[in-house]
């Protein structure tokens, strides 16, 4: 997940490398297939205070990936970012987005739940 972000030649991307390497090196080594609860708590904490956690770093990387993916978008179709689609795809995307938009309020204000569409093969 981090590779596309780290491959970009900008300051934001470079700022991820050291924390990621540090967190990977600090991953707990399970003994007898058991990881201490405190280690799981440290890995999954999403608080912005203190040293941060692997979970927080993944969420931050995900935000950058969403931005990168949006940059690939050729257009927006009923709320979906689309690229490299065929004309025959448009009604399918519109139908999907109509139902998705009908329930959009259920996500509340959670970021990162956008829709991206592309064609892969036939």
C-alpha atoms as a PDB file:
ATOM      1  CA  UNK A   1       0.000   0.000   0.000  1.00  0.00           C
ATOM      2  CA  UNK A   2       2.828   2.375   0.767  1.00  0.00           C
ATOM      3  CA  UNK A   3       4.855   1.750  -2.400  1.00  0.00           C
ATOM      4  CA  UNK A   4       2.874   4.052  -4.750  1.00  0.00           C
ATOM      5  CA  UNK A   5       3.026   6.851  -2.171  1.00  0.00           C
ATOM      6  CA  UNK A   6       6.725   6.361  -1.456  1.00  0.00           C
ATOM      7  CA  UNK A   7       7.499   6.286  -5.193  1.00  0.00           C
ATOM      8  CA  UNK A   8       6.242   9.841  -5.646  1.00  0.00           C
ATOM      9  CA  UNK A   9       8.976  12.433  -5.629  1.00  0.00           C
ATOM     10  CA  UNK A  10       7.456  14.960  -3.250  1.00  0.00           C
ATOM     11  CA  UNK A  11       7.984  16.051   0.339  1.00  0.00           C
ATOM     12  CA  UNK A  12       4.712  14.551   1.597  1.00  0.00           C
ATOM     13  CA  UNK A  13       5.667  11.113   0.302  1.00  0.00           C
ATOM     14  CA  UNK A  14       9.190  11.258   1.745  1.00  0.00           C
ATOM     15  CA  UNK A  15       7.754  12.058   5.178  1.00  0.00           C
ATOM     16  CA  UNK A  16       6.162   8.596   5.315  1.00  0.00           C
ATOM     17  CA  UNK A  17       9.335   6.541   4.785  1.00  0.00           C
ATOM     18  CA  UNK A  18      11.062   6.904   8.176  1.00  0.00           C
ATOM     19  CA  UNK A  19       7.940   6.374  10.327  1.00  0.00           C
ATOM     20  CA  UNK A  20       6.935   3.374   8.220  1.00  0.00           C
ATOM     21  CA  UNK A  21      10.372   1.772   8.470  1.00  0.00           C
ATOM     22  CA  UNK A  22      10.449   2.440  12.220  1.00  0.00           C
ATOM     23  CA  UNK A  23       7.000   0.921  12.764  1.00  0.00           C
ATOM     24  CA  UNK A  24       7.749  -2.161  10.667  1.00  0.00           C
ATOM     25  CA  UNK A  25      10.990  -2.743  12.588  1.00  0.00           C
ATOM     26  CA  UNK A  26       9.116  -2.346  15.883  1.00  0.00           C
ATOM     27  CA  UNK A  27       6.370  -4.854  15.061  1.00  0.00           C
ATOM     28  CA  UNK A  28       6.020  -7.306  17.940  1.00  0.00           C
ATOM     29  CA  UNK A  29       7.289 -10.823  17.465  1.00  0.00           C
ATOM     30  CA  UNK A  30       4.557 -13.260  18.475  1.00  0.00           C
ATOM     31  CA  UNK A  31       5.526 -15.953  20.917  1.00  0.00           C
ATOM     32  CA  UNK A  32       3.626 -19.187  20.435  1.00  0.00           C
ATOM     33  CA  UNK A  33       1.281 -17.392  17.983  1.00  0.00           C
ATOM     34  CA  UNK A  34       0.243 -14.877  20.667  1.00  0.00           C
ATOM     35  CA  UNK A  35       0.629 -11.112  20.579  1.00  0.00           C
ATOM     36  CA  UNK A  36       0.204  -9.175  23.802  1.00  0.00           C
ATOM     37  CA  UNK A  37      -2.941  -7.074  24.112  1.00  0.00           C
ATOM     38  CA  UNK A  38      -0.886  -3.926  24.645  1.00  0.00           C
ATOM     39  CA  UNK A  39       0.859  -4.559  21.301  1.00  0.00           C
ATOM     40  CA  UNK A  40      -2.497  -4.887  19.533  1.00  0.00           C
ATOM     41  CA  UNK A  41      -3.674  -1.682  21.228  1.00  0.00           C
ATOM     42  CA  UNK A  42      -0.532   0.131  20.050  1.00  0.00           C
ATOM     43  CA  UNK A  43      -0.946  -1.158  16.482  1.00  0.00           C
ATOM     44  CA  UNK A  44      -4.611  -0.249  16.175  1.00  0.00           C
ATOM     45  CA  UNK A  45      -4.761   3.092  17.990  1.00  0.00           C
ATOM     46  CA  UNK A  46      -5.989   5.891  15.735  1.00  0.00           C
ATOM     47  CA  UNK A  47      -5.232   8.836  18.022  1.00  0.00           C
ATOM     48  CA  UNK A  48      -3.237  11.696  16.527  1.00  0.00           C
ATOM     49  CA  UNK A  49      -1.435  12.334  19.808  1.00  0.00           C
ATOM     50  CA  UNK A  50       1.898  10.871  20.792  1.00  0.00           C
ATOM     51  CA  UNK A  51       4.075   8.699  18.587  1.00  0.00           C
ATOM     52  CA  UNK A  52       1.255   7.484  16.366  1.00  0.00           C
ATOM     53  CA  UNK A  53       0.439   3.955  15.359  1.00  0.00           C
ATOM     54  CA  UNK A  54       0.669   1.719  12.348  1.00  0.00           C
ATOM     55  CA  UNK A  55      -3.103   2.028  11.975  1.00  0.00           C
ATOM     56  CA  UNK A  56      -2.892   5.830  11.896  1.00  0.00           C
ATOM     57  CA  UNK A  57      -0.080   5.669   9.355  1.00  0.00           C
ATOM     58  CA  UNK A  58      -2.167   3.347   7.159  1.00  0.00           C
ATOM     59  CA  UNK A  59      -5.108   5.772   7.363  1.00  0.00           C
ATOM     60  CA  UNK A  60      -2.822   8.674   6.401  1.00  0.00           C
ATOM     61  CA  UNK A  61      -1.389   6.671   3.485  1.00  0.00           C
ATOM     62  CA  UNK A  62      -4.919   5.825   2.395  1.00  0.00           C
ATOM     63  CA  UNK A  63      -5.796   9.534   2.194  1.00  0.00           C
ATOM     64  CA  UNK A  64      -2.808  10.142  -0.076  1.00  0.00           C
ATOM     65  CA  UNK A  65      -3.749   7.120  -2.219  1.00  0.00           C
ATOM     66  CA  UNK A  66      -7.283   8.491  -2.576  1.00  0.00           C
ATOM     67  CA  UNK A  67      -5.841  11.789  -3.794  1.00  0.00           C
ATOM     68  CA  UNK A  68      -3.568  10.000  -6.243  1.00  0.00           C
ATOM     69  CA  UNK A  69      -6.458   7.938  -7.551  1.00  0.00           C
ATOM     70  CA  UNK A  70      -8.609  11.047  -7.983  1.00  0.00           C
ATOM     71  CA  UNK A  71      -5.824  12.535 -10.100  1.00  0.00           C
ATOM     72  CA  UNK A  72      -6.313   9.642 -12.557  1.00  0.00           C
ATOM     73  CA  UNK A  73     -10.000  10.416 -12.950  1.00  0.00           C
ATOM     74  CA  UNK A  74     -11.065  11.603 -16.384  1.00  0.00           C
ATOM     75  CA  UNK A  75     -14.537  12.686 -15.261  1.00  0.00           C
ATOM     76  CA  UNK A  76     -17.179  12.322 -12.569  1.00  0.00           C
ATOM     77  CA  UNK A  77     -20.323  10.367 -13.341  1.00  0.00           C
ATOM     78  CA  UNK A  78     -23.134  10.626 -10.799  1.00  0.00           C
ATOM     79  CA  UNK A  79     -20.573  10.969  -7.998  1.00  0.00           C
ATOM     80  CA  UNK A  80     -18.112   8.298  -9.173  1.00  0.00           C
ATOM     81  CA  UNK A  81     -14.617   9.162 -10.361  1.00  0.00           C
ATOM     82  CA  UNK A  82     -14.283   7.334 -13.667  1.00  0.00           C
ATOM     83  CA  UNK A  83     -11.518   6.690 -16.160  1.00  0.00           C
ATOM     84  CA  UNK A  84     -11.051   4.449 -19.171  1.00  0.00           C
ATOM     85  CA  UNK A  85     -14.673   3.374 -19.391  1.00  0.00           C
ATOM     86  CA  UNK A  86     -16.714   2.471 -22.475  1.00  0.00           C
ATOM     87  CA  UNK A  87     -19.992   4.090 -23.464  1.00  0.00           C
ATOM     88  CA  UNK A  88     -21.768   0.834 -22.546  1.00  0.00           C
ATOM     89  CA  UNK A  89     -20.483   1.187 -18.973  1.00  0.00           C
ATOM     90  CA  UNK A  90     -22.214   4.507 -18.347  1.00  0.00           C
ATOM     91  CA  UNK A  91     -25.765   3.197 -17.656  1.00  0.00           C
ATOM     92  CA  UNK A  92     -24.376   0.509 -15.335  1.00  0.00           C
ATOM     93  CA  UNK A  93     -22.345   3.064 -13.408  1.00  0.00           C
ATOM     94  CA  UNK A  94     -25.317   5.430 -13.188  1.00  0.00           C
ATOM     95  CA  UNK A  95     -27.576   2.653 -11.863  1.00  0.00           C
ATOM     96  CA  UNK A  96     -24.987   1.600  -9.297  1.00  0.00           C
ATOM     97  CA  UNK A  97     -24.418   5.183  -8.170  1.00  0.00           C
ATOM     98  CA  UNK A  98     -28.164   5.869  -7.894  1.00  0.00           C
ATOM     99  CA  UNK A  99     -28.489   3.099  -5.312  1.00  0.00           C
ATOM    100  CA  UNK A 100     -25.244   4.025  -3.576  1.00  0.00           C
ATOM    101  CA  UNK A 101     -26.272   7.677  -3.341  1.00  0.00           C
ATOM    102  CA  UNK A 102     -29.644   6.628  -1.914  1.00  0.00           C
ATOM    103  CA  UNK A 103     -27.869   5.263   1.171  1.00  0.00           C
ATOM    104  CA  UNK A 104     -24.994   7.783   1.283  1.00  0.00           C
ATOM    105  CA  UNK A 105     -26.265   9.348   4.502  1.00  0.00           C
ATOM    106  CA  UNK A 106     -25.451   6.140   6.372  1.00  0.00           C
ATOM    107  CA  UNK A 107     -21.726   6.806   6.080  1.00  0.00           C
ATOM    108  CA  UNK A 108     -22.239  10.066   8.004  1.00  0.00           C
ATOM    109  CA  UNK A 109     -19.128  12.181   7.436  1.00  0.00           C
ATOM    110  CA  UNK A 110     -16.673   9.283   7.134  1.00  0.00           C
ATOM    111  CA  UNK A 111     -13.996  10.187   4.569  1.00  0.00           C
ATOM    112  CA  UNK A 112     -12.534   7.794   2.051  1.00  0.00           C
ATOM    113  CA  UNK A 113     -15.724   6.081   0.954  1.00  0.00           C
ATOM    114  CA  UNK A 114     -15.728   7.477  -2.575  1.00  0.00           C
ATOM    115  CA  UNK A 115     -16.310   5.372  -5.658  1.00  0.00           C
ATOM    116  CA  UNK A 116     -13.829   4.966  -8.493  1.00  0.00           C
ATOM    117  CA  UNK A 117     -14.658   3.079 -11.673  1.00  0.00           C
ATOM    118  CA  UNK A 118     -12.444   1.834 -14.473  1.00  0.00           C
ATOM    119  CA  UNK A 119     -12.619  -0.887 -17.076  1.00  0.00           C
ATOM    120  CA  UNK A 120     -10.362  -3.904 -16.865  1.00  0.00           C
ATOM    121  CA  UNK A 121     -10.657  -6.165 -19.902  1.00  0.00           C
ATOM    122  CA  UNK A 122     -13.991  -7.094 -21.420  1.00  0.00           C
END
